[in-house]
Amino acid sequence: CQELGKKLLKLAQQLDNSPLKGLAFDDVQFADGH
């Protein structure tokens, strides 16, 4: 699930004006569907 999370983070960082750009996997958390 962590590997899947890394893929999701990359996809999230490709969104326009993504607030997660530049963040590493250890810099984020997965909670409440976000």
PDB file of all heavy atoms in Angstrom:
ATOM      1  N   CYS A   1       0.829  -1.211   0.000  1.00  0.00           N
ATOM      2  CA  CYS A   1       0.000   0.000   0.000  1.00  0.00           C
ATOM      3  C   CYS A   1       0.865   1.263   0.000  1.00  0.00           C
ATOM      4  O   CYS A   1       0.482   2.287  -0.580  1.00  0.00           O
ATOM      5  CB  CYS A   1      -0.945  -0.009   1.204  1.00  0.00           C
ATOM      6  SG  CYS A   1      -2.280  -1.215   1.051  1.00  0.00           S
ATOM      7  N   GLN A   2       2.026   1.193   0.612  1.00  0.00           N
ATOM      8  CA  GLN A   2       2.947   2.327   0.542  1.00  0.00           C
ATOM      9  C   GLN A   2       3.435   2.536  -0.891  1.00  0.00           C
ATOM     10  O   GLN A   2       3.566   3.681  -1.346  1.00  0.00           O
ATOM     11  CB  GLN A   2       4.118   2.104   1.499  1.00  0.00           C
ATOM     12  CG  GLN A   2       3.741   2.258   2.971  1.00  0.00           C
ATOM     13  CD  GLN A   2       4.853   1.842   3.915  1.00  0.00           C
ATOM     14  OE1 GLN A   2       5.801   1.158   3.516  1.00  0.00           O
ATOM     15  NE2 GLN A   2       4.754   2.242   5.177  1.00  0.00           N
ATOM     16  N   GLU A   3       3.724   1.446  -1.594  1.00  0.00           N
ATOM     17  CA  GLU A   3       4.123   1.569  -3.001  1.00  0.00           C
ATOM     18  C   GLU A   3       2.997   2.178  -3.831  1.00  0.00           C
ATOM     19  O   GLU A   3       3.235   3.013  -4.715  1.00  0.00           O
ATOM     20  CB  GLU A   3       4.506   0.195  -3.556  1.00  0.00           C
ATOM     21  CG  GLU A   3       5.824  -0.342  -3.029  1.00  0.00           C
ATOM     22  CD  GLU A   3       6.988   0.574  -3.333  1.00  0.00           C
ATOM     23  OE1 GLU A   3       7.129   1.001  -4.506  1.00  0.00           O
ATOM     24  OE2 GLU A   3       7.751   0.889  -2.397  1.00  0.00           O
ATOM     25  N   LEU A   4       1.768   1.757  -3.537  1.00  0.00           N
ATOM     26  CA  LEU A   4       0.627   2.338  -4.239  1.00  0.00           C
ATOM     27  C   LEU A   4       0.492   3.814  -3.882  1.00  0.00           C
ATOM     28  O   LEU A   4       0.188   4.657  -4.741  1.00  0.00           O
ATOM     29  CB  LEU A   4      -0.650   1.579  -3.870  1.00  0.00           C
ATOM     30  CG  LEU A   4      -1.935   1.992  -4.593  1.00  0.00           C
ATOM     31  CD1 LEU A   4      -1.788   1.823  -6.100  1.00  0.00           C
ATOM     32  CD2 LEU A   4      -3.109   1.173  -4.089  1.00  0.00           C
ATOM     33  N   GLY A   5       0.748   4.143  -2.621  1.00  0.00           N
ATOM     34  CA  GLY A   5       0.687   5.533  -2.182  1.00  0.00           C
ATOM     35  C   GLY A   5       1.697   6.412  -2.909  1.00  0.00           C
ATOM     36  O   GLY A   5       1.412   7.580  -3.238  1.00  0.00           O
ATOM     37  N   LYS A   6       2.880   5.871  -3.173  1.00  0.00           N
ATOM     38  CA  LYS A   6       3.896   6.631  -3.911  1.00  0.00           C
ATOM     39  C   LYS A   6       3.415   6.940  -5.325  1.00  0.00           C
ATOM     40  O   LYS A   6       3.642   8.043  -5.853  1.00  0.00           O
ATOM     41  CB  LYS A   6       5.203   5.855  -3.949  1.00  0.00           C
ATOM     42  CG  LYS A   6       5.877   5.727  -2.586  1.00  0.00           C
ATOM     43  CD  LYS A   6       7.108   4.835  -2.648  1.00  0.00           C
ATOM     44  CE  LYS A   6       7.729   4.673  -1.263  1.00  0.00           C
ATOM     45  NZ  LYS A   6       8.911   3.766  -1.277  1.00  0.00           N
ATOM     46  N   LYS A   7       2.739   5.989  -5.947  1.00  0.00           N
ATOM     47  CA  LYS A   7       2.194   6.225  -7.288  1.00  0.00           C
ATOM     48  C   LYS A   7       1.102   7.297  -7.246  1.00  0.00           C
ATOM     49  O   LYS A   7       1.022   8.156  -8.133  1.00  0.00           O
ATOM     50  CB  LYS A   7       1.643   4.924  -7.863  1.00  0.00           C
ATOM     51  CG  LYS A   7       2.702   3.879  -8.180  1.00  0.00           C
ATOM     52  CD  LYS A   7       2.081   2.653  -8.852  1.00  0.00           C
ATOM     53  CE  LYS A   7       3.153   1.648  -9.247  1.00  0.00           C
ATOM     54  NZ  LYS A   7       2.590   0.467  -9.957  1.00  0.00           N
ATOM     55  N   LEU A   8       0.262   7.232  -6.200  1.00  0.00           N
ATOM     56  CA  LEU A   8      -0.808   8.224  -6.075  1.00  0.00           C
ATOM     57  C   LEU A   8      -0.235   9.616  -5.849  1.00  0.00           C
ATOM     58  O   LEU A   8      -0.748  10.609  -6.385  1.00  0.00           O
ATOM     59  CB  LEU A   8      -1.739   7.847  -4.921  1.00  0.00           C
ATOM     60  CG  LEU A   8      -2.620   6.616  -5.131  1.00  0.00           C
ATOM     61  CD1 LEU A   8      -3.351   6.255  -3.840  1.00  0.00           C
ATOM     62  CD2 LEU A   8      -3.625   6.847  -6.254  1.00  0.00           C
ATOM     63  N   LEU A   9       0.835   9.704  -5.044  1.00  0.00           N
ATOM     64  CA  LEU A   9       1.448  11.011  -4.795  1.00  0.00           C
ATOM     65  C   LEU A   9       1.990  11.604  -6.096  1.00  0.00           C
ATOM     66  O   LEU A   9       1.817  12.809  -6.364  1.00  0.00           O
ATOM     67  CB  LEU A   9       2.564  10.871  -3.761  1.00  0.00           C
ATOM     68  CG  LEU A   9       3.368  12.147  -3.477  1.00  0.00           C
ATOM     69  CD1 LEU A   9       2.459  13.255  -2.953  1.00  0.00           C
ATOM     70  CD2 LEU A   9       4.497  11.859  -2.490  1.00  0.00           C
ATOM     71  N   LYS A  10       2.614  10.790  -6.920  1.00  0.00           N
ATOM     72  CA  LYS A  10       3.133  11.285  -8.200  1.00  0.00           C
ATOM     73  C   LYS A  10       2.000  11.803  -9.086  1.00  0.00           C
ATOM     74  O   LYS A  10       2.122  12.846  -9.745  1.00  0.00           O
ATOM     75  CB  LYS A  10       3.901  10.184  -8.917  1.00  0.00           C
ATOM     76  CG  LYS A  10       5.263   9.882  -8.298  1.00  0.00           C
ATOM     77  CD  LYS A  10       6.022   8.838  -9.115  1.00  0.00           C
ATOM     78  CE  LYS A  10       7.397   8.576  -8.521  1.00  0.00           C
ATOM     79  NZ  LYS A  10       8.159   7.565  -9.307  1.00  0.00           N
ATOM     80  N   LEU A  11       0.900  11.056  -9.106  1.00  0.00           N
ATOM     81  CA  LEU A  11      -0.253  11.498  -9.902  1.00  0.00           C
ATOM     82  C   LEU A  11      -0.833  12.792  -9.342  1.00  0.00           C
ATOM     83  O   LEU A  11      -1.232  13.688 -10.099  1.00  0.00           O
ATOM     84  CB  LEU A  11      -1.324  10.407  -9.927  1.00  0.00           C
ATOM     85  CG  LEU A  11      -0.982   9.130 -10.704  1.00  0.00           C
ATOM     86  CD1 LEU A  11      -2.064   8.076 -10.502  1.00  0.00           C
ATOM     87  CD2 LEU A  11      -0.818   9.437 -12.196  1.00  0.00           C
ATOM     88  N   ALA A  12      -0.861  12.899  -8.004  1.00  0.00           N
ATOM     89  CA  ALA A  12      -1.400  14.109  -7.370  1.00  0.00           C
ATOM     90  C   ALA A  12      -0.527  15.318  -7.675  1.00  0.00           C
ATOM     91  O   ALA A  12      -1.032  16.450  -7.828  1.00  0.00           O
ATOM     92  CB  ALA A  12      -1.503  13.899  -5.859  1.00  0.00           C
ATOM     93  N   GLN A  13       0.770  15.110  -7.774  1.00  0.00           N
ATOM     94  CA  GLN A  13       1.688  16.212  -8.047  1.00  0.00           C
ATOM     95  C   GLN A  13       1.614  16.679  -9.494  1.00  0.00           C
ATOM     96  O   GLN A  13       2.106  17.762  -9.826  1.00  0.00           O
ATOM     97  CB  GLN A  13       3.115  15.791  -7.687  1.00  0.00           C
ATOM     98  CG  GLN A  13       3.327  15.622  -6.186  1.00  0.00           C
ATOM     99  CD  GLN A  13       4.674  15.011  -5.841  1.00  0.00           C
ATOM    100  OE1 GLN A  13       5.251  14.289  -6.649  1.00  0.00           O
ATOM    101  NE2 GLN A  13       5.166  15.286  -4.631  1.00  0.00           N
ATOM    102  N   GLN A  14       0.976  15.878 -10.352  1.00  0.00           N
ATOM    103  CA  GLN A  14       0.813  16.262 -11.759  1.00  0.00           C
ATOM    104  C   GLN A  14      -0.427  17.115 -11.990  1.00  0.00           C
ATOM    105  O   GLN A  14      -0.636  17.638 -13.081  1.00  0.00           O
ATOM    106  CB  GLN A  14       0.751  15.004 -12.629  1.00  0.00           C
ATOM    107  CG  GLN A  14       2.044  14.201 -12.654  1.00  0.00           C
ATOM    108  CD  GLN A  14       1.898  12.863 -13.354  1.00  0.00           C
ATOM    109  OE1 GLN A  14       0.879  12.601 -14.007  1.00  0.00           O
ATOM    110  NE2 GLN A  14       2.909  12.007 -13.222  1.00  0.00           N
ATOM    111  N   LEU A  15      -1.268  17.248 -10.962  1.00  0.00           N
ATOM    112  CA  LEU A  15      -2.460  18.072 -11.088  1.00  0.00           C
ATOM    113  C   LEU A  15      -2.076  19.543 -11.198  1.00  0.00           C
ATOM    114  O   LEU A  15      -1.063  19.984 -10.637  1.00  0.00           O
ATOM    115  CB  LEU A  15      -3.379  17.870  -9.877  1.00  0.00           C
ATOM    116  CG  LEU A  15      -3.958  16.466  -9.665  1.00  0.00           C
ATOM    117  CD1 LEU A  15      -4.744  16.408  -8.361  1.00  0.00           C
ATOM    118  CD2 LEU A  15      -4.848  16.070 -10.838  1.00  0.00           C
ATOM    119  N   ASP A  16      -2.899  20.307 -11.910  1.00  0.00           N
ATOM    120  CA  ASP A  16      -2.656  21.752 -11.995  1.00  0.00           C
ATOM    121  C   ASP A  16      -2.700  22.369 -10.608  1.00  0.00           C
ATOM    122  O   ASP A  16      -3.617  22.097  -9.809  1.00  0.00           O
ATOM    123  CB  ASP A  16      -3.705  22.409 -12.896  1.00  0.00           C
ATOM    124  CG  ASP A  16      -3.564  21.969 -14.343  1.00  0.00           C
ATOM    125  OD1 ASP A  16      -2.451  21.522 -14.718  1.00  0.00           O
ATOM    126  OD2 ASP A  16      -4.566  22.038 -15.084  1.00  0.00           O
ATOM    127  N   ASN A  17      -1.717  23.204 -10.308  1.00  0.00           N
ATOM    128  CA  ASN A  17      -1.651  23.910  -9.026  1.00  0.00           C
ATOM    129  C   ASN A  17      -1.692  22.960  -7.832  1.00  0.00           C
ATOM    130  O   ASN A  17      -2.293  23.259  -6.800  1.00  0.00           O
ATOM    131  CB  ASN A  17      -2.794  24.928  -8.919  1.00  0.00           C
ATOM    132  CG  ASN A  17      -2.757  25.954 -10.032  1.00  0.00           C
ATOM    133  OD1 ASN A  17      -1.691  26.484 -10.356  1.00  0.00           O
ATOM    134  ND2 ASN A  17      -3.914  26.213 -10.638  1.00  0.00           N
ATOM    135  N   SER A  18      -1.075  21.817  -7.980  1.00  0.00           N
ATOM    136  CA  SER A  18      -1.086  20.834  -6.890  1.00  0.00           C
ATOM    137  C   SER A  18      -0.380  21.391  -5.654  1.00  0.00           C
ATOM    138  O   SER A  18       0.772  21.863  -5.754  1.00  0.00           O
ATOM    139  CB  SER A  18      -0.386  19.544  -7.324  1.00  0.00           C
ATOM    140  OG  SER A  18      -0.223  18.678  -6.219  1.00  0.00           O
ATOM    141  N   PRO A  19      -1.026  21.334  -4.483  1.00  0.00           N
ATOM    142  CA  PRO A  19      -0.383  21.815  -3.251  1.00  0.00           C
ATOM    143  C   PRO A  19       0.689  20.854  -2.739  1.00  0.00           C
ATOM    144  O   PRO A  19       1.356  21.150  -1.751  1.00  0.00           O
ATOM    145  CB  PRO A  19      -1.552  21.903  -2.266  1.00  0.00           C
ATOM    146  CG  PRO A  19      -2.522  20.868  -2.749  1.00  0.00           C
ATOM    147  CD  PRO A  19      -2.402  20.867  -4.249  1.00  0.00           C
ATOM    148  N   LEU A  20       0.837  19.714  -3.407  1.00  0.00           N
ATOM    149  CA  LEU A  20       1.774  18.697  -2.933  1.00  0.00           C
ATOM    150  C   LEU A  20       3.048  18.646  -3.768  1.00  0.00           C
ATOM    151  O   LEU A  20       3.901  17.776  -3.529  1.00  0.00           O
ATOM    152  CB  LEU A  20       1.093  17.317  -2.955  1.00  0.00           C
ATOM    153  CG  LEU A  20      -0.205  17.197  -2.154  1.00  0.00           C
ATOM    154  CD1 LEU A  20      -0.797  15.797  -2.312  1.00  0.00           C
ATOM    155  CD2 LEU A  20       0.026  17.502  -0.685  1.00  0.00           C
ATOM    156  N   LYS A  21       3.199  19.566  -4.717  1.00  0.00           N
ATOM    157  CA  LYS A  21       4.375  19.544  -5.576  1.00  0.00           C
ATOM    158  C   LYS A  21       5.653  19.703  -4.759  1.00  0.00           C
ATOM    159  O   LYS A  21       5.721  20.497  -3.831  1.00  0.00           O
ATOM    160  CB  LYS A  21       4.279  20.644  -6.632  1.00  0.00           C
ATOM    161  CG  LYS A  21       3.308  20.318  -7.757  1.00  0.00           C
ATOM    162  CD  LYS A  21       3.316  21.376  -8.836  1.00  0.00           C
ATOM    163  CE  LYS A  21       2.387  20.969  -9.991  1.00  0.00           C
ATOM    164  NZ  LYS A  21       2.352  21.990 -11.061  1.00  0.00           N
ATOM    165  N   GLY A  22       6.648  18.907  -5.128  1.00  0.00           N
ATOM    166  CA  GLY A  22       7.946  19.001  -4.475  1.00  0.00           C
ATOM    167  C   GLY A  22       8.068  18.215  -3.187  1.00  0.00           C
ATOM    168  O   GLY A  22       9.157  18.162  -2.602  1.00  0.00           O
ATOM    169  N   LEU A  23       6.983  17.609  -2.727  1.00  0.00           N
ATOM    170  CA  LEU A  23       7.028  16.865  -1.469  1.00  0.00           C
ATOM    171  C   LEU A  23       7.428  15.410  -1.707  1.00  0.00           C
ATOM    172  O   LEU A  23       7.002  14.784  -2.671  1.00  0.00           O
ATOM    173  CB  LEU A  23       5.671  16.905  -0.765  1.00  0.00           C
ATOM    174  CG  LEU A  23       5.175  18.285  -0.302  1.00  0.00           C
ATOM    175  CD1 LEU A  23       3.819  18.158   0.367  1.00  0.00           C
ATOM    176  CD2 LEU A  23       6.179  18.925   0.650  1.00  0.00           C
ATOM    177  N   ALA A  24       8.263  14.897  -0.818  1.00  0.00           N
ATOM    178  CA  ALA A  24       8.631  13.482  -0.856  1.00  0.00           C
ATOM    179  C   ALA A  24       7.548  12.650  -0.178  1.00  0.00           C
ATOM    180  O   ALA A  24       6.678  13.184   0.535  1.00  0.00           O
ATOM    181  CB  ALA A  24       9.976  13.272  -0.162  1.00  0.00           C
ATOM    182  N   PHE A  25       7.622  11.352  -0.382  1.00  0.00           N
ATOM    183  CA  PHE A  25       6.597  10.474   0.198  1.00  0.00           C
ATOM    184  C   PHE A  25       6.562  10.601   1.720  1.00  0.00           C
ATOM    185  O   PHE A  25       5.491  10.582   2.333  1.00  0.00           O
ATOM    186  CB  PHE A  25       6.869   9.024  -0.209  1.00  0.00           C
ATOM    187  CG  PHE A  25       5.851   8.042   0.309  1.00  0.00           C
ATOM    188  CD1 PHE A  25       4.558   8.023  -0.196  1.00  0.00           C
ATOM    189  CD2 PHE A  25       6.183   7.141   1.305  1.00  0.00           C
ATOM    190  CE1 PHE A  25       3.615   7.121   0.276  1.00  0.00           C
ATOM    191  CE2 PHE A  25       5.261   6.228   1.783  1.00  0.00           C
ATOM    192  CZ  PHE A  25       3.970   6.218   1.266  1.00  0.00           C
ATOM    193  N   ASP A  26       7.720  10.740   2.353  1.00  0.00           N
ATOM    194  CA  ASP A  26       7.768  10.858   3.815  1.00  0.00           C
ATOM    195  C   ASP A  26       7.230  12.196   4.306  1.00  0.00           C
ATOM    196  O   ASP A  26       7.028  12.371   5.514  1.00  0.00           O
ATOM    197  CB  ASP A  26       9.206  10.680   4.314  1.00  0.00           C
ATOM    198  CG  ASP A  26       9.700   9.248   4.151  1.00  0.00           C
ATOM    199  OD1 ASP A  26       8.843   8.345   4.033  1.00  0.00           O
ATOM    200  OD2 ASP A  26      10.926   9.043   4.125  1.00  0.00           O
ATOM    201  N   ASP A  27       6.992  13.129   3.394  1.00  0.00           N
ATOM    202  CA  ASP A  27       6.494  14.448   3.785  1.00  0.00           C
ATOM    203  C   ASP A  27       4.972  14.514   3.786  1.00  0.00           C
ATOM    204  O   ASP A  27       4.406  15.569   4.107  1.00  0.00           O
ATOM    205  CB  ASP A  27       7.034  15.528   2.833  1.00  0.00           C
ATOM    206  CG  ASP A  27       8.544  15.656   2.901  1.00  0.00           C
ATOM    207  OD1 ASP A  27       9.101  15.405   3.991  1.00  0.00           O
ATOM    208  OD2 ASP A  27       9.160  15.990   1.867  1.00  0.00           O
ATOM    209  N   VAL A  28       4.318  13.413   3.410  1.00  0.00           N
ATOM    210  CA  VAL A  28       2.852  13.437   3.333  1.00  0.00           C
ATOM    211  C   VAL A  28       2.261  12.313   4.169  1.00  0.00           C
ATOM    212  O   VAL A  28       2.958  11.380   4.578  1.00  0.00           O
ATOM    213  CB  VAL A  28       2.359  13.313   1.877  1.00  0.00           C
ATOM    214  CG1 VAL A  28       2.904  14.451   1.024  1.00  0.00           C
ATOM    215  CG2 VAL A  28       2.735  11.958   1.291  1.00  0.00           C
ATOM    216  N   GLN A  29       0.972  12.421   4.411  1.00  0.00           N
ATOM    217  CA  GLN A  29       0.218  11.379   5.108  1.00  0.00           C
ATOM    218  C   GLN A  29      -1.058  11.107   4.336  1.00  0.00           C
ATOM    219  O   GLN A  29      -1.577  11.974   3.620  1.00  0.00           O
ATOM    220  CB  GLN A  29      -0.112  11.801   6.538  1.00  0.00           C
ATOM    221  CG  GLN A  29      -0.936  13.061   6.634  1.00  0.00           C
ATOM    222  CD  GLN A  29      -1.273  13.424   8.062  1.00  0.00           C
ATOM    223  OE1 GLN A  29      -2.327  13.053   8.572  1.00  0.00           O
ATOM    224  NE2 GLN A  29      -0.384  14.158   8.713  1.00  0.00           N
ATOM    225  N   PHE A  30      -1.549   9.886   4.478  1.00  0.00           N
ATOM    226  CA  PHE A  30      -2.794   9.479   3.841  1.00  0.00           C
ATOM    227  C   PHE A  30      -3.839   9.314   4.936  1.00  0.00           C
ATOM    228  O   PHE A  30      -3.679   8.471   5.838  1.00  0.00           O
ATOM    229  CB  PHE A  30      -2.598   8.165   3.085  1.00  0.00           C
ATOM    230  CG  PHE A  30      -1.716   8.290   1.871  1.00  0.00           C
ATOM    231  CD1 PHE A  30      -0.339   8.423   1.996  1.00  0.00           C
ATOM    232  CD2 PHE A  30      -2.266   8.306   0.601  1.00  0.00           C
ATOM    233  CE1 PHE A  30       0.479   8.549   0.884  1.00  0.00           C
ATOM    234  CE2 PHE A  30      -1.465   8.424  -0.530  1.00  0.00           C
ATOM    235  CZ  PHE A  30      -0.085   8.554  -0.378  1.00  0.00           C
ATOM    236  N   ALA A  31      -4.881  10.123   4.882  1.00  0.00           N
ATOM    237  CA  ALA A  31      -5.897  10.072   5.934  1.00  0.00           C
ATOM    238  C   ALA A  31      -7.205  10.631   5.410  1.00  0.00           C
ATOM    239  O   ALA A  31      -7.225  11.580   4.608  1.00  0.00           O
ATOM    240  CB  ALA A  31      -5.446  10.862   7.161  1.00  0.00           C
ATOM    241  N   ASP A  32      -8.284  10.031   5.864  1.00  0.00           N
ATOM    242  CA  ASP A  32      -9.630  10.512   5.530  1.00  0.00           C
ATOM    243  C   ASP A  32      -9.831  10.703   4.030  1.00  0.00           C
ATOM    244  O   ASP A  32     -10.470  11.658   3.585  1.00  0.00           O
ATOM    245  CB  ASP A  32      -9.920  11.824   6.270  1.00  0.00           C
ATOM    246  CG  ASP A  32      -9.865  11.643   7.776  1.00  0.00           C
ATOM    247  OD1 ASP A  32     -10.435  10.647   8.263  1.00  0.00           O
ATOM    248  OD2 ASP A  32      -9.226  12.462   8.461  1.00  0.00           O
ATOM    249  N   GLY A  33      -9.259   9.784   3.244  1.00  0.00           N
ATOM    250  CA  GLY A  33      -9.453   9.830   1.800  1.00  0.00           C
ATOM    251  C   GLY A  33      -8.637  10.890   1.097  1.00  0.00           C
ATOM    252  O   GLY A  33      -8.889  11.190  -0.066  1.00  0.00           O
ATOM    253  N   HIS A  34      -7.656  11.489   1.777  1.00  0.00           N
ATOM    254  CA  HIS A  34      -6.845  12.556   1.206  1.00  0.00           C
ATOM    255  C   HIS A  34      -5.357  12.245   1.357  1.00  0.00           C
ATOM    256  O   HIS A  34      -4.951  11.486   2.235  1.00  0.00           O
ATOM    257  CB  HIS A  34      -7.135  13.899   1.903  1.00  0.00           C
ATOM    258  CG  HIS A  34      -8.466  14.476   1.570  1.00  0.00           C
ATOM    259  ND1 HIS A  34      -9.665  13.937   2.015  1.00  0.00           N
ATOM    260  CD2 HIS A  34      -8.802  15.577   0.816  1.00  0.00           C
ATOM    261  CE1 HIS A  34     -10.678  14.673   1.568  1.00  0.00           C
ATOM    262  NE2 HIS A  34     -10.183  15.666   0.841  1.00  0.00           N
TER     263      HIS A  34
END
